[in-house]
């Protein structure tokens, strides 16, 4: 069911807005992204995708490793994981200042 996944996204938005996301929390979830357990991959990839929508957190994060993980998961066998990974990558691109985007196109 998609319901737990949607609840998770909602709770991660609340945590982001309240400033309760710490680098330690993010670090502890990173190993889940490559877990053989599908629910872990769905949850952690959805969480990273949501994090990438917050400009302040993108600045603080170890962006290179998160981008690498999202890129890997964009070809995951689970369609929800793929969707969340692509959403996260899109959030990164969307958040890049327009001037930078123009120079890379």
Protein backbone atom coordinates (compact mmCIF):
# COMPACT_ATOMS: atom_id res chain seq x y z
CA UNK A 1 0.00 0.00 0.00
CA UNK A 2 1.08 3.56 -0.67
CA UNK A 3 -0.38 4.88 2.59
CA UNK A 4 2.69 4.35 4.85
CA UNK A 5 4.82 5.95 2.15
CA UNK A 6 2.57 9.05 2.05
CA UNK A 7 2.52 9.29 5.85
CA UNK A 8 6.29 9.17 5.85
CA UNK A 9 6.54 12.01 3.34
CA UNK A 10 4.19 14.12 5.42
CA UNK A 11 6.14 13.48 8.63
CA UNK A 12 9.45 14.27 6.92
CA UNK A 13 8.03 17.62 5.76
CA UNK A 14 7.03 18.40 9.34
CA UNK A 15 10.50 17.45 10.62
CA UNK A 16 12.15 19.59 7.95
CA UNK A 17 10.06 22.64 8.72
CA UNK A 18 10.62 22.30 12.45
CA UNK A 19 14.41 22.06 12.04
CA UNK A 20 14.62 18.64 13.70
CA UNK A 21 16.59 16.98 10.90
CA UNK A 22 20.22 16.65 11.91
CA UNK A 23 23.23 15.43 9.92
CA UNK A 24 23.33 12.42 12.27
CA UNK A 25 19.77 11.43 11.34
CA UNK A 26 20.57 11.74 7.66
CA UNK A 27 23.81 9.77 8.07
CA UNK A 28 21.99 6.98 9.89
CA UNK A 29 19.49 6.59 7.03
CA UNK A 30 22.01 6.49 4.18
CA UNK A 31 22.79 2.74 4.52
CA UNK A 32 19.06 2.00 4.13
CA UNK A 33 19.14 3.32 0.56
CA UNK A 34 21.00 0.21 -0.62
CA UNK A 35 19.23 -2.23 1.71
CA UNK A 36 18.00 -5.55 0.32
CA UNK A 37 14.80 -4.85 2.29
CA UNK A 38 12.44 -3.06 -0.07
CA UNK A 39 10.62 -1.04 2.60
CA UNK A 40 13.93 0.41 3.83
CA UNK A 41 14.84 1.48 0.30
CA UNK A 42 11.43 3.07 -0.25
CA UNK A 43 11.51 4.94 3.07
CA UNK A 44 15.08 6.20 2.86
CA UNK A 45 14.85 7.20 -0.81
CA UNK A 46 11.60 9.07 -0.16
CA UNK A 47 13.26 10.82 2.78
CA UNK A 48 16.26 11.90 0.70
CA UNK A 49 14.00 13.08 -2.10
CA UNK A 50 12.13 15.24 0.39
CA UNK A 51 15.37 16.58 1.86
CA UNK A 52 16.52 17.66 -1.57
CA UNK A 53 13.53 19.99 -1.79
CA UNK A 54 14.86 22.10 1.08
CA UNK A 55 17.50 24.61 -0.12
CA UNK A 56 19.11 25.07 3.30
CA UNK A 57 19.52 21.34 3.84
CA UNK A 58 20.89 20.83 0.34
CA UNK A 59 23.65 23.27 1.23
CA UNK A 60 24.55 21.41 4.42
CA UNK A 61 24.34 17.89 3.07
CA UNK A 62 27.04 15.76 1.64
CA UNK A 63 25.39 16.45 -1.69
CA UNK A 64 27.77 14.37 -3.79
CA UNK A 65 27.08 11.13 -1.92
CA UNK A 66 23.32 11.77 -1.82
CA UNK A 67 23.28 12.47 -5.58
CA UNK A 68 25.20 9.23 -6.18
CA UNK A 69 22.71 7.24 -4.07
CA UNK A 70 19.69 8.81 -5.78
CA UNK A 71 21.20 8.13 -9.21
CA UNK A 72 21.75 4.46 -8.28
CA UNK A 73 18.20 4.11 -6.97
CA UNK A 74 16.73 5.66 -10.13
CA UNK A 75 17.14 2.21 -11.71
CA UNK A 76 15.90 0.23 -8.68
CA UNK A 77 13.66 -2.77 -9.35
CA UNK A 78 10.94 -1.18 -7.16
CA UNK A 79 8.91 1.45 -9.04
CA UNK A 80 8.27 3.56 -5.91
CA UNK A 81 12.00 3.70 -5.16
CA UNK A 82 12.67 4.72 -8.78
CA UNK A 83 9.99 7.40 -8.60
CA UNK A 84 11.34 8.83 -5.32
CA UNK A 85 14.93 8.82 -6.61
CA UNK A 86 13.94 10.70 -9.76
CA UNK A 87 11.90 13.14 -7.65
CA UNK A 88 14.94 13.76 -5.44
CA UNK A 89 17.19 14.35 -8.44
CA UNK A 90 14.59 16.71 -9.86
CA UNK A 91 14.41 18.59 -6.56
CA UNK A 92 18.18 19.12 -6.69
CA UNK A 93 18.03 20.48 -10.24
CA UNK A 94 15.01 22.64 -9.46
CA UNK A 95 16.84 24.18 -6.51
CA UNK A 96 19.95 25.16 -8.46
CA UNK A 97 20.05 28.91 -9.10
CA UNK A 98 18.88 29.83 -12.60
CA UNK A 99 22.23 31.39 -13.52
CA UNK A 100 24.01 28.08 -12.82
CA UNK A 101 21.44 26.13 -14.84
CA UNK A 102 21.88 28.46 -17.83
CA UNK A 103 25.63 27.85 -17.80
CA UNK A 104 25.21 24.08 -17.78
CA UNK A 105 22.67 23.83 -20.61
